[in-house]
PDB file of N, CA and C in Angstrom:
ATOM      1  N   UNK A   1    -117.631-164.445-102.591  1.00  0.00           N
ATOM      2  CA  UNK A   1    -117.170-165.434-101.642  1.00  0.00           C
ATOM      3  C   UNK A   1    -117.340-164.856-100.229  1.00  0.00           C
ATOM      4  N   UNK A   2    -117.902-165.610 -99.353  1.00  0.00           N
ATOM      5  CA  UNK A   2    -118.113-165.149 -97.979  1.00  0.00           C
ATOM      6  C   UNK A   2    -116.860-165.407 -97.141  1.00  0.00           C
ATOM      7  N   UNK A   3    -116.827-164.804 -95.963  1.00  0.00           N
ATOM      8  CA  UNK A   3    -115.695-165.003 -95.055  1.00  0.00           C
ATOM      9  C   UNK A   3    -115.604-166.471 -94.635  1.00  0.00           C
ATOM     10  N   UNK A   4    -116.755-167.119 -94.436  1.00  0.00           N
ATOM     11  CA  UNK A   4    -116.754-168.538 -94.055  1.00  0.00           C
ATOM     12  C   UNK A   4    -116.189-169.405 -95.180  1.00  0.00           C
ATOM     13  N   UNK A   5    -116.517-169.077 -96.418  1.00  0.00           N
ATOM     14  CA  UNK A   5    -115.977-169.823 -97.552  1.00  0.00           C
ATOM     15  C   UNK A   5    -114.470-169.620 -97.665  1.00  0.00           C
ATOM     16  N   UNK A   6    -114.021-168.390 -97.425  1.00  0.00           N
ATOM     17  CA  UNK A   6    -112.582-168.132 -97.452  1.00  0.00           C
ATOM     18  C   UNK A   6    -111.871-168.900 -96.349  1.00  0.00           C
ATOM     19  N   UNK A   7    -112.473-168.928 -95.163  1.00  0.00           N
ATOM     20  CA  UNK A   7    -111.888-169.651 -94.038  1.00  0.00           C
ATOM     21  C   UNK A   7    -111.771-171.133 -94.385  1.00  0.00           C
ATOM     22  N   UNK A   8    -112.815-171.711 -94.967  1.00  0.00           N
ATOM     23  CA  UNK A   8    -112.765-173.123 -95.349  1.00  0.00           C
ATOM     24  C   UNK A   8    -111.687-173.373 -96.411  1.00  0.00           C
ATOM     25  N   UNK A   9    -111.506-172.426 -97.334  1.00  0.00           N
ATOM     26  CA  UNK A   9    -110.468-172.569 -98.359  1.00  0.00           C
ATOM     27  C   UNK A   9    -109.077-172.546 -97.728  1.00  0.00           C
ATOM     28  N   UNK A  10    -108.855-171.637 -96.778  1.00  0.00           N
ATOM     29  CA  UNK A  10    -107.558-171.572 -96.086  1.00  0.00           C
ATOM     30  C   UNK A  10    -107.297-172.875 -95.324  1.00  0.00           C
ATOM     31  N   UNK A  11    -108.297-173.323 -94.561  1.00  0.00           N
ATOM     32  CA  UNK A  11    -108.130-174.536 -93.755  1.00  0.00           C
ATOM     33  C   UNK A  11    -107.943-175.752 -94.662  1.00  0.00           C
ATOM     34  N   UNK A  12    -108.709-175.807 -95.748  1.00  0.00           N
ATOM     35  CA  UNK A  12    -108.590-176.929 -96.675  1.00  0.00           C
ATOM     36  C   UNK A  12    -107.229-177.028 -97.338  1.00  0.00           C
ATOM     37  N   UNK A  13    -106.563-175.905 -97.506  1.00  0.00           N
ATOM     38  CA  UNK A  13    -105.229-175.888 -98.112  1.00  0.00           C
ATOM     39  C   UNK A  13    -104.108-175.936 -97.064  1.00  0.00           C
ATOM     40  N   UNK A  14    -104.491-175.974 -95.804  1.00  0.00           N
ATOM     41  CA  UNK A  14    -103.495-176.038 -94.734  1.00  0.00           C
ATOM     42  C   UNK A  14    -102.770-174.729 -94.502  1.00  0.00           C
ATOM     43  N   UNK A  15    -103.393-173.601 -94.869  1.00  0.00           N
ATOM     44  CA  UNK A  15    -102.770-172.294 -94.683  1.00  0.00           C
ATOM     45  C   UNK A  15    -103.143-171.712 -93.330  1.00  0.00           C
ATOM     46  N   UNK A  16    -102.189-171.065 -92.692  1.00  0.00           N
ATOM     47  CA  UNK A  16    -102.413-170.439 -91.391  1.00  0.00           C
ATOM     48  C   UNK A  16    -102.368-168.920 -91.545  1.00  0.00           C
ATOM     49  N   UNK A  17    -102.977-168.242 -90.599  1.00  0.00           N
ATOM     50  CA  UNK A  17    -102.994-166.780 -90.589  1.00  0.00           C
ATOM     51  C   UNK A  17    -102.220-166.272 -89.382  1.00  0.00           C
ATOM     52  N   UNK A  18    -101.527-165.140 -89.528  1.00  0.00           N
ATOM     53  CA  UNK A  18    -100.801-164.588 -88.378  1.00  0.00           C
ATOM     54  C   UNK A  18    -101.786-163.967 -87.393  1.00  0.00           C
ATOM     55  N   UNK A  19    -101.638-164.293 -86.134  1.00  0.00           N
ATOM     56  CA  UNK A  19    -102.485-163.745 -85.079  1.00  0.00           C
ATOM     57  C   UNK A  19    -101.618-163.334 -83.910  1.00  0.00           C
ATOM     58  N   UNK A  20    -101.967-162.220 -83.302  1.00  0.00           N
ATOM     59  CA  UNK A  20    -101.248-161.771 -82.120  1.00  0.00           C
ATOM     60  C   UNK A  20    -101.876-162.348 -80.866  1.00  0.00           C
ATOM     61  N   UNK A  21    -101.046-162.739 -79.915  1.00  0.00           N
ATOM     62  CA  UNK A  21    -101.600-163.232 -78.657  1.00  0.00           C
ATOM     63  C   UNK A  21    -101.621-162.115 -77.620  1.00  0.00           C
ATOM     64  N   UNK A  22    -101.965-162.446 -76.397  1.00  0.00           N
ATOM     65  CA  UNK A  22    -102.123-161.435 -75.341  1.00  0.00           C
ATOM     66  C   UNK A  22    -100.821-160.712 -75.008  1.00  0.00           C
ATOM     67  N   UNK A  23     -99.700-161.384 -75.210  1.00  0.00           N
ATOM     68  CA  UNK A  23     -98.404-160.775 -74.909  1.00  0.00           C
ATOM     69  C   UNK A  23     -97.848-159.998 -76.095  1.00  0.00           C
ATOM     70  N   UNK A  24     -98.547-160.009 -77.235  1.00  0.00           N
ATOM     71  CA  UNK A  24     -98.089-159.293 -78.409  1.00  0.00           C
ATOM     72  C   UNK A  24     -97.215-160.117 -79.333  1.00  0.00           C
ATOM     73  N   UNK A  25     -97.043-161.393 -79.013  1.00  0.00           N
ATOM     74  CA  UNK A  25     -96.252-162.276 -79.866  1.00  0.00           C
ATOM     75  C   UNK A  25     -97.081-162.715 -81.067  1.00  0.00           C
ATOM     76  N   UNK A  26     -96.422-162.945 -82.168  1.00  0.00           N
ATOM     77  CA  UNK A  26     -97.088-163.373 -83.384  1.00  0.00           C
ATOM     78  C   UNK A  26     -97.098-164.886 -83.465  1.00  0.00           C
ATOM     79  N   UNK A  27     -98.274-165.441 -83.714  1.00  0.00           N
ATOM     80  CA  UNK A  27     -98.414-166.890 -83.858  1.00  0.00           C
ATOM     81  C   UNK A  27     -99.201-167.178 -85.123  1.00  0.00           C
ATOM     82  N   UNK A  28     -98.816-168.232 -85.816  1.00  0.00           N
ATOM     83  CA  UNK A  28     -99.531-168.664 -87.009  1.00  0.00           C
ATOM     84  C   UNK A  28    -100.533-169.720 -86.583  1.00  0.00           C
ATOM     85  N   UNK A  29    -101.809-169.431 -86.825  1.00  0.00           N
ATOM     86  CA  UNK A  29    -102.881-170.321 -86.387  1.00  0.00           C
ATOM     87  C   UNK A  29    -103.828-170.605 -87.547  1.00  0.00           C
ATOM     88  N   UNK A  30    -104.570-171.699 -87.463  1.00  0.00           N
ATOM     89  CA  UNK A  30    -105.559-171.983 -88.503  1.00  0.00           C
ATOM     90  C   UNK A  30    -106.552-170.823 -88.630  1.00  0.00           C
ATOM     91  N   UNK A  31    -107.029-170.617 -89.825  1.00  0.00           N
ATOM     92  CA  UNK A  31    -107.956-169.505 -90.086  1.00  0.00           C
ATOM     93  C   UNK A  31    -109.273-169.710 -89.355  1.00  0.00           C
ATOM     94  N   UNK A  32    -109.831-168.585 -88.901  1.00  0.00           N
ATOM     95  CA  UNK A  32    -111.174-168.568 -88.330  1.00  0.00           C
ATOM     96  C   UNK A  32    -111.978-167.521 -89.087  1.00  0.00           C
ATOM     97  N   UNK A  33    -113.291-167.601 -88.979  1.00  0.00           N
ATOM     98  CA  UNK A  33    -114.137-166.612 -89.659  1.00  0.00           C
ATOM     99  C   UNK A  33    -113.837-165.215 -89.137  1.00  0.00           C
ATOM    100  N   UNK A  34    -113.635-165.087 -87.834  1.00  0.00           N
ATOM    101  CA  UNK A  34    -113.357-163.757 -87.281  1.00  0.00           C
ATOM    102  C   UNK A  34    -112.012-163.217 -87.761  1.00  0.00           C
ATOM    103  N   UNK A  35    -111.012-164.079 -87.926  1.00  0.00           N
ATOM    104  CA  UNK A  35    -109.706-163.628 -88.407  1.00  0.00           C
ATOM    105  C   UNK A  35    -109.798-163.171 -89.862  1.00  0.00           C
ATOM    106  N   UNK A  36    -110.517-163.919 -90.690  1.00  0.00           N
ATOM    107  CA  UNK A  36    -110.677-163.545 -92.093  1.00  0.00           C
ATOM    108  C   UNK A  36    -111.455-162.237 -92.201  1.00  0.00           C
ATOM    109  N   UNK A  37    -112.502-162.093 -91.417  1.00  0.00           N
ATOM    110  CA  UNK A  37    -113.307-160.865 -91.424  1.00  0.00           C
ATOM    111  C   UNK A  37    -112.462-159.673 -90.991  1.00  0.00           C
ATOM    112  N   UNK A  38    -111.629-159.847 -89.981  1.00  0.00           N
ATOM    113  CA  UNK A  38    -110.777-158.750 -89.508  1.00  0.00           C
ATOM    114  C   UNK A  38    -109.801-158.311 -90.600  1.00  0.00           C
ATOM    115  N   UNK A  39    -109.259-159.269 -91.338  1.00  0.00           N
ATOM    116  CA  UNK A  39    -108.336-158.927 -92.427  1.00  0.00           C
ATOM    117  C   UNK A  39    -109.074-158.166 -93.512  1.00  0.00           C
ATOM    118  N   UNK A  40    -110.256-158.630 -93.890  1.00  0.00           N
ATOM    119  CA  UNK A  40    -111.000-157.992 -94.969  1.00  0.00           C
ATOM    120  C   UNK A  40    -111.477-156.593 -94.599  1.00  0.00           C
ATOM    121  N   UNK A  41    -111.716-156.352 -93.319  1.00  0.00           N
ATOM    122  CA  UNK A  41    -112.158-155.028 -92.876  1.00  0.00           C
ATOM    123  C   UNK A  41    -111.004-154.068 -92.618  1.00  0.00           C
ATOM    124  N   UNK A  42    -109.789-154.577 -92.592  1.00  0.00           N
ATOM    125  CA  UNK A  42    -108.614-153.741 -92.372  1.00  0.00           C
ATOM    126  C   UNK A  42    -108.405-152.861 -93.605  1.00  0.00           C
ATOM    127  N   UNK A  43    -108.406-151.533 -93.442  1.00  0.00           N
ATOM    128  CA  UNK A  43    -108.268-150.633 -94.600  1.00  0.00           C
ATOM    129  C   UNK A  43    -106.994-150.863 -95.412  1.00  0.00           C
ATOM    130  N   UNK A  44    -105.921-151.275 -94.770  1.00  0.00           N
ATOM    131  CA  UNK A  44    -104.674-151.517 -95.501  1.00  0.00           C
ATOM    132  C   UNK A  44    -104.821-152.691 -96.469  1.00  0.00           C
ATOM    133  N   UNK A  45    -105.486-153.757 -96.034  1.00  0.00           N
ATOM    134  CA  UNK A  45    -105.698-154.907 -96.905  1.00  0.00           C
ATOM    135  C   UNK A  45    -106.789-154.633 -97.929  1.00  0.00           C
ATOM    136  N   UNK A  46    -107.723-153.773 -97.581  1.00  0.00           N
ATOM    137  CA  UNK A  46    -108.831-153.463 -98.490  1.00  0.00           C
ATOM    138  C   UNK A  46    -108.408-152.521 -99.607  1.00  0.00           C
ATOM    139  N   UNK A  47    -107.200-151.989 -99.545  1.00  0.00           N
ATOM    140  CA  UNK A  47    -106.701-151.123-100.601  1.00  0.00           C
ATOM    141  C   UNK A  47    -107.002-149.651-100.392  1.00  0.00           C
ATOM    142  N   UNK A  48    -107.387-149.268 -99.193  1.00  0.00           N
ATOM    143  CA  UNK A  48    -107.695-147.868 -98.923  1.00  0.00           C
ATOM    144  C   UNK A  48    -106.435-147.015 -98.888  1.00  0.00           C
ATOM    145  N   UNK A  49    -105.305-147.620 -98.557  1.00  0.00           N
ATOM    146  CA  UNK A  49    -104.057-146.887 -98.468  1.00  0.00           C
ATOM    147  C   UNK A  49    -103.087-147.414 -99.519  1.00  0.00           C
ATOM    148  N   UNK A  50    -102.565-146.532-100.304  1.00  0.00           N
ATOM    149  CA  UNK A  50    -101.522-146.893-101.256  1.00  0.00           C
ATOM    150  C   UNK A  50    -100.452-145.833-101.116  1.00  0.00           C
ATOM    151  N   UNK A  51     -99.328-146.217-100.576  1.00  0.00           N
ATOM    152  CA  UNK A  51     -98.277-145.263-100.262  1.00  0.00           C
ATOM    153  C   UNK A  51     -97.626-144.746-101.541  1.00  0.00           C
ATOM    154  N   UNK A  52     -97.555-143.445-101.667  1.00  0.00           N
ATOM    155  CA  UNK A  52     -96.815-142.826-102.753  1.00  0.00           C
ATOM    156  C   UNK A  52     -97.497-142.817-104.103  1.00  0.00           C
ATOM    157  N   UNK A  53     -98.760-143.141-104.151  1.00  0.00           N
ATOM    158  CA  UNK A  53     -99.458-143.142-105.433  1.00  0.00           C
ATOM    159  C   UNK A  53    -100.594-142.138-105.396  1.00  0.00           C
ATOM    160  N   UNK A  54    -100.766-141.476-106.498  1.00  0.00           N
ATOM    161  CA  UNK A  54    -101.894-140.551-106.632  1.00  0.00           C
ATOM    162  C   UNK A  54    -102.404-140.640-108.061  1.00  0.00           C
ATOM    163  N   UNK A  55    -103.688-140.626-108.219  1.00  0.00           N
ATOM    164  CA  UNK A  55    -104.274-140.675-109.539  1.00  0.00           C
ATOM    165  C   UNK A  55    -104.593-139.263-109.966  1.00  0.00           C
ATOM    166  N   UNK A  56    -104.205-138.950-111.168  1.00  0.00           N
ATOM    167  CA  UNK A  56    -104.459-137.610-111.673  1.00  0.00           C
ATOM    168  C   UNK A  56    -104.808-137.725-113.146  1.00  0.00           C
ATOM    169  N   UNK A  57    -105.904-137.101-113.535  1.00  0.00           N
ATOM    170  CA  UNK A  57    -106.318-137.109-114.926  1.00  0.00           C
ATOM    171  C   UNK A  57    -105.417-136.155-115.706  1.00  0.00           C
ATOM    172  N   UNK A  58    -104.839-136.629-116.807  1.00  0.00           N
ATOM    173  CA  UNK A  58    -103.968-135.732-117.568  1.00  0.00           C
ATOM    174  C   UNK A  58    -104.764-134.584-118.176  1.00  0.00           C
ATOM    175  N   UNK A  59    -104.180-133.424-118.146  1.00  0.00           N
ATOM    176  CA  UNK A  59    -104.864-132.275-118.722  1.00  0.00           C
ATOM    177  C   UNK A  59    -104.729-132.313-120.237  1.00  0.00           C
ATOM    178  N   UNK A  60    -105.544-131.544-120.912  1.00  0.00           N
ATOM    179  CA  UNK A  60    -105.497-131.518-122.370  1.00  0.00           C
ATOM    180  C   UNK A  60    -104.170-130.955-122.864  1.00  0.00           C
ATOM    181  N   UNK A  61    -103.603-130.024-122.139  1.00  0.00           N
ATOM    182  CA  UNK A  61    -102.335-129.432-122.547  1.00  0.00           C
ATOM    183  C   UNK A  61    -101.222-130.472-122.527  1.00  0.00           C
ATOM    184  N   UNK A  62    -101.262-131.378-121.565  1.00  0.00           N
ATOM    185  CA  UNK A  62    -100.233-132.398-121.477  1.00  0.00           C
ATOM    186  C   UNK A  62    -100.419-133.484-122.523  1.00  0.00           C
ATOM    187  N   UNK A  63    -101.656-133.781-122.886  1.00  0.00           N
ATOM    188  CA  UNK A  63    -101.903-134.888-123.793  1.00  0.00           C
ATOM    189  C   UNK A  63    -101.779-134.486-125.270  1.00  0.00           C
ATOM    190  N   UNK A  64    -101.908-133.227-125.581  1.00  0.00           N
ATOM    191  CA  UNK A  64    -101.774-132.761-126.970  1.00  0.00           C
ATOM    192  C   UNK A  64    -100.398-132.150-127.196  1.00  0.00           C
ATOM    193  N   UNK A  65     -99.912-132.335-128.407  1.00  0.00           N
ATOM    194  CA  UNK A  65     -98.657-131.690-128.749  1.00  0.00           C
ATOM    195  C   UNK A  65     -98.959-130.253-129.171  1.00  0.00           C
ATOM    196  N   UNK A  66     -98.179-129.354-128.665  1.00  0.00           N
ATOM    197  CA  UNK A  66     -98.387-127.965-129.046  1.00  0.00           C
ATOM    198  C   UNK A  66     -97.542-127.669-130.284  1.00  0.00           C
ATOM    199  N   UNK A  67     -98.148-126.997-131.247  1.00  0.00           N
ATOM    200  CA  UNK A  67     -97.406-126.659-132.449  1.00  0.00           C
ATOM    201  C   UNK A  67     -97.140-125.170-132.452  1.00  0.00           C
ATOM    202  N   UNK A  68     -95.913-124.829-132.655  1.00  0.00           N
ATOM    203  CA  UNK A  68     -95.533-123.414-132.697  1.00  0.00           C
ATOM    204  C   UNK A  68     -95.289-123.009-134.139  1.00  0.00           C
ATOM    205  N   UNK A  69     -95.739-121.852-134.494  1.00  0.00           N
ATOM    206  CA  UNK A  69     -95.548-121.371-135.870  1.00  0.00           C
ATOM    207  C   UNK A  69     -94.497-120.326-135.953  1.00  0.00           C
TER     208      UNK A  69
END
């Protein structure tokens, strides 16, 4: 799906996007292609940052039960 298609979907459903104005106030405005593109390029929305999560492959020692004789 392209940014233009996403913008048309937002507008068609009557959804607005938050946009900051020159004074720093937040306003909800109809979606534009540039607004959708900015959201998609934002690393936080793209999933580049996940707070408090780390992926780690389990080691063999952790995944196997150790048997003591």
